[in-house]
Amino acid sequence: MSLAIANRYAHALADVVLDPSSGIDARRSAGQLRSVEALVKESPDLRAVLMNPAVTPPRKRAVVSRLVEPLALPPALRNFLFVLIDRRRIGLLDEIRQAFENVLDQRLGVVRADIASAKDLDAGQRAMLTEKLAMLTGSQVRPEYAVDPSLLGGAVVRIGSTIYDGSLRGQMEALRKRLTE
């Protein structure tokens, strides 16, 4: 149920952010929302205040307003946080932020690629891989890199439900299948 709620709030926020008259940079707003989420996660006291039903919503809004001042949030994003506080949904901030990023990606034509490699890739390798994936998918790619020590070499890329296995283990498995046929 929380996923459905998160998606509803994410779509509403995306409608506001992507409205040309809002003047809000969509990608920047996603980063700012991520920063607010990090503030809440890093501070057990803040989390306790925001989750405590005994603390009134105006008090919670005042606390959040003071804490996010350095982030220079657009008024629409700050007001969105206030709505989450008023509706007692601030505890879903992580799910809402994730859903918001997914909605932005869909609406902006960006695909997410989860890339696991045997070792950390340098900037040139990352750029080349991102470029190849963009050509393969025909869309802009937002890569998320991770190191998987269980891979012997190469990389495994997951885009949606499609997996591209360029790992040494995957190539050896394919060779084994061809030889046994």
N, C-alpha and C. Protein backbone atom coordinates (compact mmCIF):
# COMPACT_ATOMS: atom_id res chain seq x y z
N MET A 1 0.82 -1.18 0.00
CA MET A 1 0.00 0.00 0.00
C MET A 1 0.87 1.26 0.00
N SER A 2 2.00 1.21 0.73
CA SER A 2 2.85 2.40 0.78
C SER A 2 3.44 2.72 -0.59
N LEU A 3 3.64 1.69 -1.42
CA LEU A 3 4.16 1.93 -2.77
C LEU A 3 3.13 2.69 -3.61
N ALA A 4 1.87 2.35 -3.48
CA ALA A 4 0.82 3.06 -4.22
C ALA A 4 0.73 4.51 -3.76
N ILE A 5 0.85 4.73 -2.47
CA ILE A 5 0.82 6.09 -1.92
C ILE A 5 2.03 6.88 -2.42
N ALA A 6 3.20 6.25 -2.35
CA ALA A 6 4.43 6.91 -2.81
C ALA A 6 4.32 7.28 -4.29
N ASN A 7 3.78 6.39 -5.09
CA ASN A 7 3.62 6.67 -6.52
C ASN A 7 2.67 7.84 -6.76
N ARG A 8 1.61 7.90 -6.00
CA ARG A 8 0.64 8.99 -6.16
C ARG A 8 1.30 10.34 -5.85
N TYR A 9 2.05 10.40 -4.75
CA TYR A 9 2.74 11.65 -4.40
C TYR A 9 3.84 11.97 -5.41
N ALA A 10 4.53 10.95 -5.89
CA ALA A 10 5.60 11.15 -6.87
C ALA A 10 5.05 11.72 -8.17
N HIS A 11 3.93 11.19 -8.63
CA HIS A 11 3.32 11.70 -9.87
C HIS A 11 2.86 13.14 -9.69
N ALA A 12 2.30 13.45 -8.53
CA ALA A 12 1.85 14.82 -8.27
C ALA A 12 3.04 15.78 -8.27
N LEU A 13 4.13 15.38 -7.61
CA LEU A 13 5.31 16.23 -7.58
C LEU A 13 5.90 16.40 -8.98
N ALA A 14 5.93 15.32 -9.75
CA ALA A 14 6.46 15.40 -11.12
C ALA A 14 5.61 16.34 -11.97
N ASP A 15 4.29 16.32 -11.78
CA ASP A 15 3.42 17.24 -12.51
C ASP A 15 3.81 18.69 -12.23
N VAL A 16 4.08 18.98 -10.97
CA VAL A 16 4.44 20.34 -10.58
C VAL A 16 5.82 20.72 -11.12
N VAL A 17 6.78 19.84 -10.93
CA VAL A 17 8.17 20.13 -11.31
C VAL A 17 8.33 20.24 -12.82
N LEU A 18 7.64 19.39 -13.57
CA LEU A 18 7.79 19.39 -15.02
C LEU A 18 6.92 20.42 -15.73
N ASP A 19 6.09 21.11 -14.99
CA ASP A 19 5.28 22.18 -15.58
C ASP A 19 6.24 23.29 -16.03
N PRO A 20 6.20 23.66 -17.32
CA PRO A 20 7.14 24.68 -17.82
C PRO A 20 7.06 26.01 -17.07
N SER A 21 5.90 26.32 -16.54
CA SER A 21 5.76 27.61 -15.84
C SER A 21 6.35 27.58 -14.43
N SER A 22 6.73 26.39 -13.95
CA SER A 22 7.28 26.30 -12.59
C SER A 22 8.69 26.87 -12.50
N GLY A 23 9.45 26.77 -13.59
CA GLY A 23 10.82 27.26 -13.58
C GLY A 23 11.75 26.41 -12.73
N ILE A 24 11.35 25.18 -12.43
CA ILE A 24 12.14 24.29 -11.59
C ILE A 24 12.92 23.32 -12.47
N ASP A 25 14.20 23.14 -12.15
CA ASP A 25 15.03 22.16 -12.84
C ASP A 25 14.70 20.79 -12.24
N ALA A 26 14.15 19.91 -13.07
CA ALA A 26 13.66 18.61 -12.59
C ALA A 26 14.78 17.79 -11.96
N ARG A 27 15.92 17.69 -12.62
CA ARG A 27 17.03 16.87 -12.09
C ARG A 27 17.57 17.46 -10.78
N ARG A 28 17.62 18.76 -10.73
CA ARG A 28 18.12 19.41 -9.51
C ARG A 28 17.15 19.17 -8.35
N SER A 29 15.86 19.20 -8.64
CA SER A 29 14.87 18.98 -7.58
C SER A 29 14.96 17.55 -7.04
N ALA A 30 15.28 16.59 -7.90
CA ALA A 30 15.46 15.22 -7.44
C ALA A 30 16.66 15.14 -6.49
N GLY A 31 17.73 15.83 -6.83
CA GLY A 31 18.91 15.87 -5.96
C GLY A 31 18.62 16.57 -4.64
N GLN A 32 17.82 17.63 -4.69
CA GLN A 32 17.48 18.34 -3.47
C GLN A 32 16.60 17.47 -2.56
N LEU A 33 15.69 16.73 -3.17
CA LEU A 33 14.86 15.82 -2.39
C LEU A 33 15.71 14.73 -1.75
N ARG A 34 16.72 14.29 -2.49
CA ARG A 34 17.65 13.29 -1.95
C ARG A 34 18.44 13.87 -0.76
N SER A 35 18.80 15.15 -0.85
CA SER A 35 19.51 15.81 0.25
C SER A 35 18.64 15.92 1.50
N VAL A 36 17.36 16.24 1.31
CA VAL A 36 16.43 16.31 2.45
C VAL A 36 16.30 14.93 3.08
N GLU A 37 16.19 13.92 2.23
CA GLU A 37 16.10 12.55 2.73
C GLU A 37 17.33 12.19 3.54
N ALA A 38 18.51 12.58 3.07
CA ALA A 38 19.75 12.30 3.79
C ALA A 38 19.76 13.00 5.15
N LEU A 39 19.27 14.25 5.19
CA LEU A 39 19.19 14.96 6.47
C LEU A 39 18.33 14.20 7.48
N VAL A 40 17.20 13.72 7.02
CA VAL A 40 16.29 12.99 7.91
C VAL A 40 16.92 11.67 8.36
N LYS A 41 17.58 10.97 7.45
CA LYS A 41 18.21 9.68 7.79
C LYS A 41 19.36 9.85 8.77
N GLU A 42 20.13 10.93 8.59
CA GLU A 42 21.33 11.13 9.41
C GLU A 42 21.03 11.60 10.82
N SER A 43 19.85 12.13 11.05
CA SER A 43 19.54 12.68 12.36
C SER A 43 18.39 11.92 13.03
N PRO A 44 18.72 11.07 13.99
CA PRO A 44 17.66 10.35 14.71
C PRO A 44 16.71 11.30 15.44
N ASP A 45 17.25 12.42 15.93
CA ASP A 45 16.40 13.39 16.62
C ASP A 45 15.38 14.01 15.66
N LEU A 46 15.84 14.39 14.48
CA LEU A 46 14.94 14.97 13.49
C LEU A 46 13.87 13.96 13.09
N ARG A 47 14.30 12.74 12.85
CA ARG A 47 13.37 11.68 12.47
C ARG A 47 12.33 11.48 13.57
N ALA A 48 12.77 11.50 14.83
CA ALA A 48 11.85 11.32 15.96
C ALA A 48 10.83 12.45 16.02
N VAL A 49 11.27 13.68 15.79
CA VAL A 49 10.36 14.82 15.81
C VAL A 49 9.34 14.71 14.68
N LEU A 50 9.82 14.37 13.48
CA LEU A 50 8.92 14.30 12.33
C LEU A 50 7.92 13.15 12.43
N MET A 51 8.30 12.09 13.10
CA MET A 51 7.41 10.92 13.20
C MET A 51 6.53 10.96 14.45
N ASN A 52 6.79 11.89 15.35
CA ASN A 52 6.05 11.96 16.61
C ASN A 52 4.70 12.65 16.39
N PRO A 53 3.59 11.94 16.63
CA PRO A 53 2.28 12.56 16.44
C PRO A 53 1.97 13.65 17.48
N ALA A 54 2.72 13.68 18.58
CA ALA A 54 2.50 14.71 19.60
C ALA A 54 3.03 16.08 19.17
N VAL A 55 3.97 16.09 18.22
CA VAL A 55 4.50 17.35 17.71
C VAL A 55 3.55 17.83 16.62
N THR A 56 3.10 19.06 16.75
CA THR A 56 2.11 19.59 15.82
C THR A 56 2.72 19.82 14.43
N PRO A 57 1.90 19.70 13.40
CA PRO A 57 2.41 19.95 12.04
C PRO A 57 3.04 21.33 11.86
N PRO A 58 2.48 22.41 12.44
CA PRO A 58 3.17 23.70 12.27
C PRO A 58 4.59 23.69 12.86
N ARG A 59 4.78 23.00 13.98
CA ARG A 59 6.13 22.89 14.57
C ARG A 59 7.06 22.11 13.64
N LYS A 60 6.55 21.01 13.09
CA LYS A 60 7.34 20.19 12.18
C LYS A 60 7.72 21.00 10.94
N ARG A 61 6.77 21.76 10.41
CA ARG A 61 7.06 22.58 9.23
C ARG A 61 8.13 23.62 9.55
N ALA A 62 8.07 24.21 10.74
CA ALA A 62 9.06 25.21 11.14
C ALA A 62 10.45 24.58 11.22
N VAL A 63 10.53 23.38 11.79
CA VAL A 63 11.82 22.68 11.90
C VAL A 63 12.37 22.38 10.51
N VAL A 64 11.52 21.82 9.65
CA VAL A 64 11.96 21.47 8.30
C VAL A 64 12.36 22.72 7.52
N SER A 65 11.59 23.78 7.66
CA SER A 65 11.88 25.02 6.96
C SER A 65 13.27 25.55 7.32
N ARG A 66 13.60 25.51 8.61
CA ARG A 66 14.93 25.99 9.05
C ARG A 66 16.05 25.08 8.56
N LEU A 67 15.81 23.77 8.57
CA LEU A 67 16.85 22.83 8.17
C LEU A 67 17.14 22.85 6.68
N VAL A 68 16.13 23.10 5.86
CA VAL A 68 16.35 23.06 4.42
C VAL A 68 16.72 24.41 3.82
N GLU A 69 16.81 25.45 4.64
CA GLU A 69 17.21 26.77 4.14
C GLU A 69 18.51 26.73 3.33
N PRO A 70 19.56 26.05 3.83
CA PRO A 70 20.82 26.03 3.06
C PRO A 70 20.71 25.30 1.72
N LEU A 71 19.68 24.47 1.55
CA LEU A 71 19.53 23.72 0.30
C LEU A 71 18.89 24.57 -0.81
N ALA A 72 18.38 25.73 -0.44
CA ALA A 72 17.74 26.64 -1.41
C ALA A 72 16.67 25.92 -2.23
N LEU A 73 15.76 25.24 -1.52
CA LEU A 73 14.68 24.53 -2.20
C LEU A 73 13.73 25.52 -2.86
N PRO A 74 13.24 25.19 -4.04
CA PRO A 74 12.20 26.01 -4.63
C PRO A 74 10.95 25.96 -3.72
N PRO A 75 10.17 27.03 -3.69
CA PRO A 75 8.99 27.04 -2.82
C PRO A 75 8.06 25.84 -3.05
N ALA A 76 7.92 25.40 -4.30
CA ALA A 76 7.04 24.26 -4.59
C ALA A 76 7.54 22.98 -3.92
N LEU A 77 8.84 22.79 -3.89
CA LEU A 77 9.39 21.60 -3.25
C LEU A 77 9.27 21.68 -1.74
N ARG A 78 9.51 22.87 -1.19
CA ARG A 78 9.33 23.07 0.25
C ARG A 78 7.87 22.83 0.64
N ASN A 79 6.95 23.35 -0.15
CA ASN A 79 5.53 23.16 0.11
C ASN A 79 5.14 21.69 0.00
N PHE A 80 5.78 20.97 -0.91
CA PHE A 80 5.53 19.54 -1.03
C PHE A 80 5.91 18.82 0.27
N LEU A 81 7.05 19.19 0.84
CA LEU A 81 7.45 18.60 2.12
C LEU A 81 6.43 18.93 3.21
N PHE A 82 5.89 20.13 3.18
CA PHE A 82 4.88 20.53 4.16
C PHE A 82 3.61 19.69 4.00
N VAL A 83 3.25 19.39 2.76
CA VAL A 83 2.08 18.54 2.52
C VAL A 83 2.33 17.15 3.09
N LEU A 84 3.54 16.63 2.89
CA LEU A 84 3.88 15.32 3.46
C LEU A 84 3.77 15.34 4.98
N ILE A 85 4.20 16.42 5.58
CA ILE A 85 4.10 16.56 7.04
C ILE A 85 2.64 16.62 7.46
N ASP A 86 1.86 17.46 6.80
CA ASP A 86 0.46 17.63 7.16
C ASP A 86 -0.35 16.34 6.99
N ARG A 87 0.00 15.55 5.99
CA ARG A 87 -0.73 14.31 5.70
C ARG A 87 -0.11 13.09 6.39
N ARG A 88 0.89 13.36 7.23
CA ARG A 88 1.60 12.30 7.96
C ARG A 88 2.22 11.26 7.02
N ARG A 89 2.81 11.75 5.96
CA ARG A 89 3.47 10.90 4.97
C ARG A 89 4.97 11.12 4.91
N ILE A 90 5.50 11.92 5.80
CA ILE A 90 6.93 12.22 5.76
C ILE A 90 7.77 10.95 5.99
N GLY A 91 7.20 9.96 6.64
CA GLY A 91 7.89 8.69 6.84
C GLY A 91 8.09 7.92 5.55
N LEU A 92 7.37 8.31 4.50
CA LEU A 92 7.49 7.66 3.20
C LEU A 92 8.42 8.43 2.26
N LEU A 93 9.18 9.36 2.80
CA LEU A 93 10.02 10.22 1.96
C LEU A 93 10.96 9.41 1.07
N ASP A 94 11.56 8.35 1.60
CA ASP A 94 12.48 7.53 0.81
C ASP A 94 11.75 6.90 -0.38
N GLU A 95 10.60 6.29 -0.13
CA GLU A 95 9.84 5.65 -1.21
C GLU A 95 9.34 6.69 -2.22
N ILE A 96 8.90 7.83 -1.72
CA ILE A 96 8.40 8.88 -2.61
C ILE A 96 9.52 9.42 -3.48
N ARG A 97 10.71 9.62 -2.90
CA ARG A 97 11.84 10.12 -3.68
C ARG A 97 12.24 9.12 -4.77
N GLN A 98 12.27 7.83 -4.42
CA GLN A 98 12.60 6.82 -5.43
C GLN A 98 11.57 6.79 -6.55
N ALA A 99 10.29 6.83 -6.17
CA ALA A 99 9.22 6.83 -7.17
C ALA A 99 9.29 8.09 -8.02
N PHE A 100 9.60 9.23 -7.40
CA PHE A 100 9.73 10.49 -8.12
C PHE A 100 10.83 10.41 -9.17
N GLU A 101 11.98 9.85 -8.80
CA GLU A 101 13.07 9.71 -9.76
C GLU A 101 12.66 8.80 -10.91
N ASN A 102 11.93 7.72 -10.60
CA ASN A 102 11.46 6.82 -11.66
C ASN A 102 10.47 7.52 -12.60
N VAL A 103 9.57 8.30 -12.03
CA VAL A 103 8.59 9.03 -12.84
C VAL A 103 9.31 10.05 -13.72
N LEU A 104 10.28 10.77 -13.15
CA LEU A 104 11.05 11.73 -13.95
C LEU A 104 11.75 11.04 -15.10
N ASP A 105 12.38 9.90 -14.81
CA ASP A 105 13.07 9.15 -15.85
C ASP A 105 12.11 8.77 -16.98
N GLN A 106 10.94 8.26 -16.61
CA GLN A 106 9.96 7.86 -17.62
C GLN A 106 9.53 9.05 -18.47
N ARG A 107 9.21 10.14 -17.81
CA ARG A 107 8.68 11.30 -18.54
C ARG A 107 9.75 12.01 -19.37
N LEU A 108 11.01 11.91 -18.94
CA LEU A 108 12.09 12.57 -19.67
C LEU A 108 12.78 11.63 -20.66
N GLY A 109 12.31 10.37 -20.74
CA GLY A 109 12.88 9.41 -21.69
C GLY A 109 14.25 8.90 -21.30
N VAL A 110 14.47 8.74 -20.00
CA VAL A 110 15.74 8.26 -19.50
C VAL A 110 15.56 6.83 -18.99
N VAL A 111 16.50 5.95 -19.32
CA VAL A 111 16.46 4.59 -18.79
C VAL A 111 17.56 4.43 -17.75
N ARG A 112 17.27 3.66 -16.74
CA ARG A 112 18.23 3.42 -15.68
C ARG A 112 18.97 2.12 -15.98
N ALA A 113 20.27 2.16 -15.85
CA ALA A 113 21.10 0.98 -16.09
C ALA A 113 21.88 0.67 -14.82
N ASP A 114 21.64 -0.52 -14.27
CA ASP A 114 22.41 -1.00 -13.11
C ASP A 114 23.58 -1.79 -13.66
N ILE A 115 24.79 -1.31 -13.39
CA ILE A 115 25.99 -1.90 -13.96
C ILE A 115 26.86 -2.46 -12.84
N ALA A 116 27.09 -3.76 -12.89
CA ALA A 116 27.99 -4.40 -11.92
C ALA A 116 29.23 -4.85 -12.67
N SER A 117 30.39 -4.46 -12.16
CA SER A 117 31.64 -4.83 -12.81
C SER A 117 32.56 -5.51 -11.80
N ALA A 118 33.54 -6.22 -12.33
CA ALA A 118 34.48 -6.95 -11.49
C ALA A 118 35.37 -6.01 -10.69
N LYS A 119 35.66 -4.86 -11.26
CA LYS A 119 36.47 -3.85 -10.57
C LYS A 119 35.88 -2.48 -10.86
N ASP A 120 36.30 -1.51 -10.09
CA ASP A 120 35.79 -0.15 -10.27
C ASP A 120 36.24 0.38 -11.63
N LEU A 121 35.30 0.92 -12.38
CA LEU A 121 35.61 1.46 -13.71
C LEU A 121 36.07 2.90 -13.60
N ASP A 122 37.05 3.26 -14.42
CA ASP A 122 37.50 4.66 -14.40
C ASP A 122 36.52 5.50 -15.22
N ALA A 123 36.71 6.81 -15.20
CA ALA A 123 35.77 7.74 -15.84
C ALA A 123 35.64 7.48 -17.34
N GLY A 124 36.74 7.17 -18.00
CA GLY A 124 36.70 6.90 -19.44
C GLY A 124 35.90 5.65 -19.77
N GLN A 125 36.11 4.59 -18.97
CA GLN A 125 35.36 3.35 -19.18
C GLN A 125 33.87 3.57 -18.92
N ARG A 126 33.57 4.34 -17.90
CA ARG A 126 32.16 4.62 -17.58
C ARG A 126 31.50 5.40 -18.71
N ALA A 127 32.20 6.41 -19.22
CA ALA A 127 31.66 7.22 -20.31
C ALA A 127 31.43 6.38 -21.56
N MET A 128 32.38 5.53 -21.89
CA MET A 128 32.27 4.68 -23.07
C MET A 128 31.10 3.70 -22.91
N LEU A 129 30.98 3.09 -21.75
CA LEU A 129 29.90 2.14 -21.50
C LEU A 129 28.54 2.84 -21.55
N THR A 130 28.45 4.02 -20.96
CA THR A 130 27.19 4.78 -20.97
C THR A 130 26.81 5.15 -22.40
N GLU A 131 27.80 5.55 -23.20
CA GLU A 131 27.55 5.90 -24.60
C GLU A 131 27.06 4.70 -25.39
N LYS A 132 27.68 3.54 -25.20
CA LYS A 132 27.28 2.32 -25.91
C LYS A 132 25.86 1.92 -25.51
N LEU A 133 25.55 2.05 -24.21
CA LEU A 133 24.20 1.70 -23.74
C LEU A 133 23.16 2.66 -24.30
N ALA A 134 23.51 3.93 -24.43
CA ALA A 134 22.59 4.91 -25.02
C ALA A 134 22.32 4.56 -26.48
N MET A 135 23.34 4.14 -27.20
CA MET A 135 23.16 3.73 -28.59
C MET A 135 22.30 2.47 -28.66
N LEU A 136 22.52 1.54 -27.76
CA LEU A 136 21.79 0.28 -27.74
C LEU A 136 20.31 0.49 -27.43
N THR A 137 20.02 1.36 -26.48
CA THR A 137 18.63 1.56 -26.05
C THR A 137 17.92 2.66 -26.83
N GLY A 138 18.67 3.57 -27.43
CA GLY A 138 18.06 4.69 -28.13
C GLY A 138 17.52 5.74 -27.17
N SER A 139 17.94 5.68 -25.93
CA SER A 139 17.49 6.62 -24.90
C SER A 139 18.69 7.13 -24.13
N GLN A 140 18.46 8.20 -23.41
CA GLN A 140 19.49 8.70 -22.49
C GLN A 140 19.58 7.69 -21.35
N VAL A 141 20.78 7.41 -20.87
CA VAL A 141 20.99 6.40 -19.84
C VAL A 141 21.47 7.05 -18.54
N ARG A 142 20.85 6.64 -17.44
CA ARG A 142 21.31 7.07 -16.11
C ARG A 142 21.94 5.83 -15.47
N PRO A 143 23.27 5.74 -15.49
CA PRO A 143 23.93 4.54 -14.96
C PRO A 143 24.10 4.58 -13.44
N GLU A 144 24.00 3.42 -12.85
CA GLU A 144 24.28 3.23 -11.42
C GLU A 144 25.33 2.12 -11.36
N TYR A 145 26.53 2.46 -10.89
CA TYR A 145 27.64 1.51 -10.90
C TYR A 145 27.81 0.84 -9.55
N ALA A 146 28.22 -0.41 -9.59
CA ALA A 146 28.54 -1.16 -8.39
C ALA A 146 29.66 -2.15 -8.74
N VAL A 147 30.44 -2.49 -7.76
CA VAL A 147 31.49 -3.49 -7.95
C VAL A 147 30.99 -4.81 -7.37
N ASP A 148 31.09 -5.87 -8.18
CA ASP A 148 30.68 -7.21 -7.75
C ASP A 148 31.92 -8.10 -7.75
N PRO A 149 32.49 -8.35 -6.57
CA PRO A 149 33.72 -9.14 -6.52
C PRO A 149 33.53 -10.58 -6.98
N SER A 150 32.30 -11.07 -7.08
CA SER A 150 32.08 -12.44 -7.53
C SER A 150 32.28 -12.58 -9.04
N LEU A 151 32.30 -11.47 -9.77
CA LEU A 151 32.57 -11.51 -11.20
C LEU A 151 34.07 -11.69 -11.41
N LEU A 152 34.43 -12.52 -12.35
CA LEU A 152 35.85 -12.73 -12.63
C LEU A 152 36.42 -11.61 -13.48
N GLY A 153 35.58 -11.05 -14.33
CA GLY A 153 35.98 -9.97 -15.22
C GLY A 153 34.78 -9.51 -16.00
N GLY A 154 34.88 -8.35 -16.62
CA GLY A 154 33.77 -7.83 -17.42
C GLY A 154 32.71 -7.14 -16.58
N ALA A 155 31.49 -7.09 -17.13
CA ALA A 155 30.40 -6.40 -16.45
C ALA A 155 29.06 -7.03 -16.81
N VAL A 156 28.10 -6.82 -15.92
CA VAL A 156 26.73 -7.25 -16.15
C VAL A 156 25.87 -5.99 -16.05
N VAL A 157 25.03 -5.75 -17.08
CA VAL A 157 24.19 -4.56 -17.13
C VAL A 157 22.73 -4.99 -17.10
N ARG A 158 21.97 -4.34 -16.24
CA ARG A 158 20.53 -4.60 -16.17
C ARG A 158 19.79 -3.30 -16.49
N ILE A 159 18.99 -3.36 -17.54
CA ILE A 159 18.14 -2.23 -17.93
C ILE A 159 16.71 -2.75 -17.93
N GLY A 160 15.94 -2.32 -16.95
CA GLY A 160 14.58 -2.85 -16.82
C GLY A 160 14.66 -4.33 -16.51
N SER A 161 14.01 -5.14 -17.35
CA SER A 161 14.04 -6.59 -17.13
C SER A 161 15.05 -7.28 -18.04
N THR A 162 15.80 -6.50 -18.81
CA THR A 162 16.79 -7.06 -19.73
C THR A 162 18.17 -7.04 -19.09
N ILE A 163 18.85 -8.17 -19.19
CA ILE A 163 20.20 -8.29 -18.62
C ILE A 163 21.19 -8.57 -19.76
N TYR A 164 22.22 -7.76 -19.81
CA TYR A 164 23.31 -7.94 -20.77
C TYR A 164 24.50 -8.44 -19.98
N ASP A 165 24.87 -9.69 -20.22
CA ASP A 165 25.94 -10.30 -19.45
C ASP A 165 27.23 -10.29 -20.27
N GLY A 166 28.11 -9.36 -19.95
CA GLY A 166 29.41 -9.27 -20.59
C GLY A 166 30.51 -9.71 -19.65
N SER A 167 30.11 -10.48 -18.63
CA SER A 167 31.10 -10.94 -17.66
C SER A 167 31.86 -12.14 -18.21
N LEU A 168 33.02 -12.37 -17.68
CA LEU A 168 33.83 -13.52 -18.08
C LEU A 168 33.08 -14.81 -17.77
N ARG A 169 32.43 -14.86 -16.62
CA ARG A 169 31.66 -16.05 -16.24
C ARG A 169 30.55 -16.30 -17.25
N GLY A 170 29.84 -15.26 -17.67
CA GLY A 170 28.76 -15.39 -18.65
C GLY A 170 29.27 -15.86 -19.99
N GLN A 171 30.42 -15.33 -20.41
CA GLN A 171 31.00 -15.75 -21.68
C GLN A 171 31.47 -17.20 -21.63
N MET A 172 32.04 -17.60 -20.49
CA MET A 172 32.49 -18.99 -20.35
C MET A 172 31.29 -19.94 -20.32
N GLU A 173 30.20 -19.54 -19.69
CA GLU A 173 28.98 -20.35 -19.64
C GLU A 173 28.39 -20.50 -21.04
N ALA A 174 28.39 -19.42 -21.83
CA ALA A 174 27.89 -19.49 -23.21
C ALA A 174 28.76 -20.41 -24.05
N LEU A 175 30.07 -20.34 -23.85
CA LEU A 175 31.00 -21.22 -24.58
C LEU A 175 30.77 -22.67 -24.19
N ARG A 176 30.55 -22.93 -22.90
CA ARG A 176 30.29 -24.29 -22.44
C ARG A 176 29.03 -24.85 -23.07
N LYS A 177 27.99 -24.05 -23.18
CA LYS A 177 26.73 -24.49 -23.80
C LYS A 177 26.92 -24.80 -25.27
N ARG A 178 27.69 -23.95 -25.96
CA ARG A 178 27.93 -24.20 -27.39
C ARG A 178 28.73 -25.47 -27.60
N LEU A 179 29.70 -25.71 -26.73
CA LEU A 179 30.54 -26.91 -26.87
C LEU A 179 29.77 -28.19 -26.55
N THR A 180 28.84 -28.13 -25.63
CA THR A 180 28.08 -29.33 -25.28
C THR A 180 26.97 -29.62 -26.28
N GLU A 181 26.60 -28.64 -27.08
CA GLU A 181 25.58 -28.88 -28.11
C GLU A 181 26.25 -29.55 -29.26
